[in-house]
Amino acid sequence: MATSVKLDQDLKNRIQQLADARHRSAHGIMRKAIRSYVEREEKREAFKQDALHAWEAYQENGLHLTLEEADSWLAKLDVGEEAVLPECHA
């Protein structure tokens, strides 16, 4: 599907310079840039939705971990230890 995007001349020139340097088409550079942007923003939106659902769950049931509990668990994982996620509590 063809889509038209209006770009100012400076941005067009920058895209073309990058395409020339990479031996690619300007079209290919723009497609890759748009794909990367959309993927990043989808991940950001998913993270936001996860946070909102977690906040809603906390408001309903009060279950949580303290910062110290979470930090201790993450520190073990960071050094490669097998660590079980602590039980949430009210």
C-alpha atoms as a PDB file:
ATOM      1  CA  MET A   1       0.000   0.000   0.000  1.00  0.00           C
ATOM      2  CA  ALA A   2       1.434   3.348  -0.985  1.00  0.00           C
ATOM      3  CA  THR A   3       1.383   6.166   1.550  1.00  0.00           C
ATOM      4  CA  SER A   4       2.479   9.737   1.105  1.00  0.00           C
ATOM      5  CA  VAL A   5       4.466  11.560   3.780  1.00  0.00           C
ATOM      6  CA  LYS A   6       5.429  15.194   3.391  1.00  0.00           C
ATOM      7  CA  LEU A   7       8.980  15.912   4.569  1.00  0.00           C
ATOM      8  CA  ASP A   8      10.814  19.204   4.642  1.00  0.00           C
ATOM      9  CA  GLN A   9      13.782  19.540   2.315  1.00  0.00           C
ATOM     10  CA  ASP A  10      16.354  19.368   5.120  1.00  0.00           C
ATOM     11  CA  LEU A  11      15.036  16.029   6.354  1.00  0.00           C
ATOM     12  CA  LYS A  12      14.833  14.675   2.795  1.00  0.00           C
ATOM     13  CA  ASN A  13      18.470  15.639   2.260  1.00  0.00           C
ATOM     14  CA  ARG A  14      19.548  14.007   5.521  1.00  0.00           C
ATOM     15  CA  ILE A  15      17.726  10.793   4.637  1.00  0.00           C
ATOM     16  CA  GLN A  16      19.290  10.751   1.189  1.00  0.00           C
ATOM     17  CA  GLN A  17      22.775  11.338   2.607  1.00  0.00           C
ATOM     18  CA  LEU A  18      22.308   8.470   5.030  1.00  0.00           C
ATOM     19  CA  ALA A  19      20.961   6.241   2.268  1.00  0.00           C
ATOM     20  CA  ASP A  20      23.934   7.068   0.040  1.00  0.00           C
ATOM     21  CA  ALA A  21      26.384   6.365   2.864  1.00  0.00           C
ATOM     22  CA  ARG A  22      24.754   3.000   3.554  1.00  0.00           C
ATOM     23  CA  HIS A  23      24.307   2.095  -0.125  1.00  0.00           C
ATOM     24  CA  ARG A  24      20.573   1.780   0.387  1.00  0.00           C
ATOM     25  CA  SER A  25      17.542   3.541  -0.978  1.00  0.00           C
ATOM     26  CA  ALA A  26      15.960   6.477   0.819  1.00  0.00           C
ATOM     27  CA  HIS A  27      12.732   4.465   0.714  1.00  0.00           C
ATOM     28  CA  GLY A  28      14.402   1.589   2.559  1.00  0.00           C
ATOM     29  CA  ILE A  29      15.848   3.932   5.194  1.00  0.00           C
ATOM     30  CA  MET A  30      12.425   5.483   5.820  1.00  0.00           C
ATOM     31  CA  ARG A  31      10.675   2.088   6.026  1.00  0.00           C
ATOM     32  CA  LYS A  32      13.217   0.838   8.540  1.00  0.00           C
ATOM     33  CA  ALA A  33      12.948   4.035  10.595  1.00  0.00           C
ATOM     34  CA  ILE A  34       9.165   3.859  10.695  1.00  0.00           C
ATOM     35  CA  ARG A  35       9.199   0.152  11.571  1.00  0.00           C
ATOM     36  CA  SER A  36      11.687   0.762  14.415  1.00  0.00           C
ATOM     37  CA  TYR A  37       9.643   3.673  15.731  1.00  0.00           C
ATOM     38  CA  VAL A  38       6.387   1.699  15.680  1.00  0.00           C
ATOM     39  CA  GLU A  39       7.967  -1.329  17.397  1.00  0.00           C
ATOM     40  CA  ARG A  40       9.503   0.870  20.111  1.00  0.00           C
ATOM     41  CA  GLU A  41       6.226   2.717  20.700  1.00  0.00           C
ATOM     42  CA  GLU A  42       4.255  -0.549  20.825  1.00  0.00           C
ATOM     43  CA  LYS A  43       6.623  -1.802  23.535  1.00  0.00           C
ATOM     44  CA  ARG A  44       6.291   1.486  25.401  1.00  0.00           C
ATOM     45  CA  GLU A  45       2.493   1.269  25.228  1.00  0.00           C
ATOM     46  CA  ALA A  46       2.526  -2.361  26.414  1.00  0.00           C
ATOM     47  CA  PHE A  47       4.752  -1.364  29.361  1.00  0.00           C
ATOM     48  CA  LYS A  48       2.365   1.475  30.201  1.00  0.00           C
ATOM     49  CA  GLN A  49      -0.641  -0.851  30.058  1.00  0.00           C
ATOM     50  CA  ASP A  50       1.139  -3.426  32.271  1.00  0.00           C
ATOM     51  CA  ALA A  51       1.886  -0.694  34.809  1.00  0.00           C
ATOM     52  CA  LEU A  52      -1.730   0.498  34.797  1.00  0.00           C
ATOM     53  CA  HIS A  53      -3.009  -3.061  35.289  1.00  0.00           C
ATOM     54  CA  ALA A  54      -0.537  -3.612  38.120  1.00  0.00           C
ATOM     55  CA  TRP A  55      -1.649  -0.370  39.777  1.00  0.00           C
ATOM     56  CA  GLU A  56      -5.313  -1.381  39.441  1.00  0.00           C
ATOM     57  CA  ALA A  57      -4.562  -4.794  40.950  1.00  0.00           C
ATOM     58  CA  TYR A  58      -2.684  -3.173  43.840  1.00  0.00           C
ATOM     59  CA  GLN A  59      -5.593  -0.822  44.518  1.00  0.00           C
ATOM     60  CA  GLU A  60      -7.977  -3.789  44.587  1.00  0.00           C
ATOM     61  CA  ASN A  61      -5.975  -6.192  46.745  1.00  0.00           C
ATOM     62  CA  GLY A  62      -3.059  -4.269  48.280  1.00  0.00           C
ATOM     63  CA  LEU A  63      -0.597  -7.053  47.455  1.00  0.00           C
ATOM     64  CA  HIS A  64       2.945  -5.809  46.913  1.00  0.00           C
ATOM     65  CA  LEU A  65       6.660  -6.317  47.488  1.00  0.00           C
ATOM     66  CA  THR A  66       8.795  -3.808  49.330  1.00  0.00           C
ATOM     67  CA  LEU A  67      11.652  -2.123  47.506  1.00  0.00           C
ATOM     68  CA  GLU A  68      14.112  -4.127  49.602  1.00  0.00           C
ATOM     69  CA  GLU A  69      12.437  -7.430  48.701  1.00  0.00           C
ATOM     70  CA  ALA A  70      12.398  -6.620  45.011  1.00  0.00           C
ATOM     71  CA  ASP A  71      16.002  -5.326  45.065  1.00  0.00           C
ATOM     72  CA  SER A  72      17.246  -8.433  46.853  1.00  0.00           C
ATOM     73  CA  TRP A  73      15.499 -10.717  44.348  1.00  0.00           C
ATOM     74  CA  LEU A  74      16.779  -8.744  41.350  1.00  0.00           C
ATOM     75  CA  ALA A  75      20.332  -8.649  42.742  1.00  0.00           C
ATOM     76  CA  LYS A  76      20.372 -12.450  42.914  1.00  0.00           C
ATOM     77  CA  LEU A  77      19.127 -12.719  39.341  1.00  0.00           C
ATOM     78  CA  ASP A  78      21.710 -10.161  38.222  1.00  0.00           C
ATOM     79  CA  VAL A  79      24.600 -12.360  39.390  1.00  0.00           C
ATOM     80  CA  GLY A  80      23.083 -15.478  37.863  1.00  0.00           C
ATOM     81  CA  GLU A  81      21.637 -17.060  40.977  1.00  0.00           C
ATOM     82  CA  GLU A  82      18.378 -18.949  40.750  1.00  0.00           C
ATOM     83  CA  ALA A  83      15.937 -16.934  42.814  1.00  0.00           C
ATOM     84  CA  VAL A  84      12.253 -17.457  43.398  1.00  0.00           C
ATOM     85  CA  LEU A  85      10.106 -14.356  43.237  1.00  0.00           C
ATOM     86  CA  PRO A  86       9.117 -13.464  46.810  1.00  0.00           C
ATOM     87  CA  GLU A  87       5.468 -13.819  47.802  1.00  0.00           C
ATOM     88  CA  CYS A  88       3.480 -10.637  47.599  1.00  0.00           C
ATOM     89  CA  HIS A  89       1.863  -9.464  50.824  1.00  0.00           C
ATOM     90  CA  ALA A  90      -0.565  -6.804  52.005  1.00  0.00           C
END
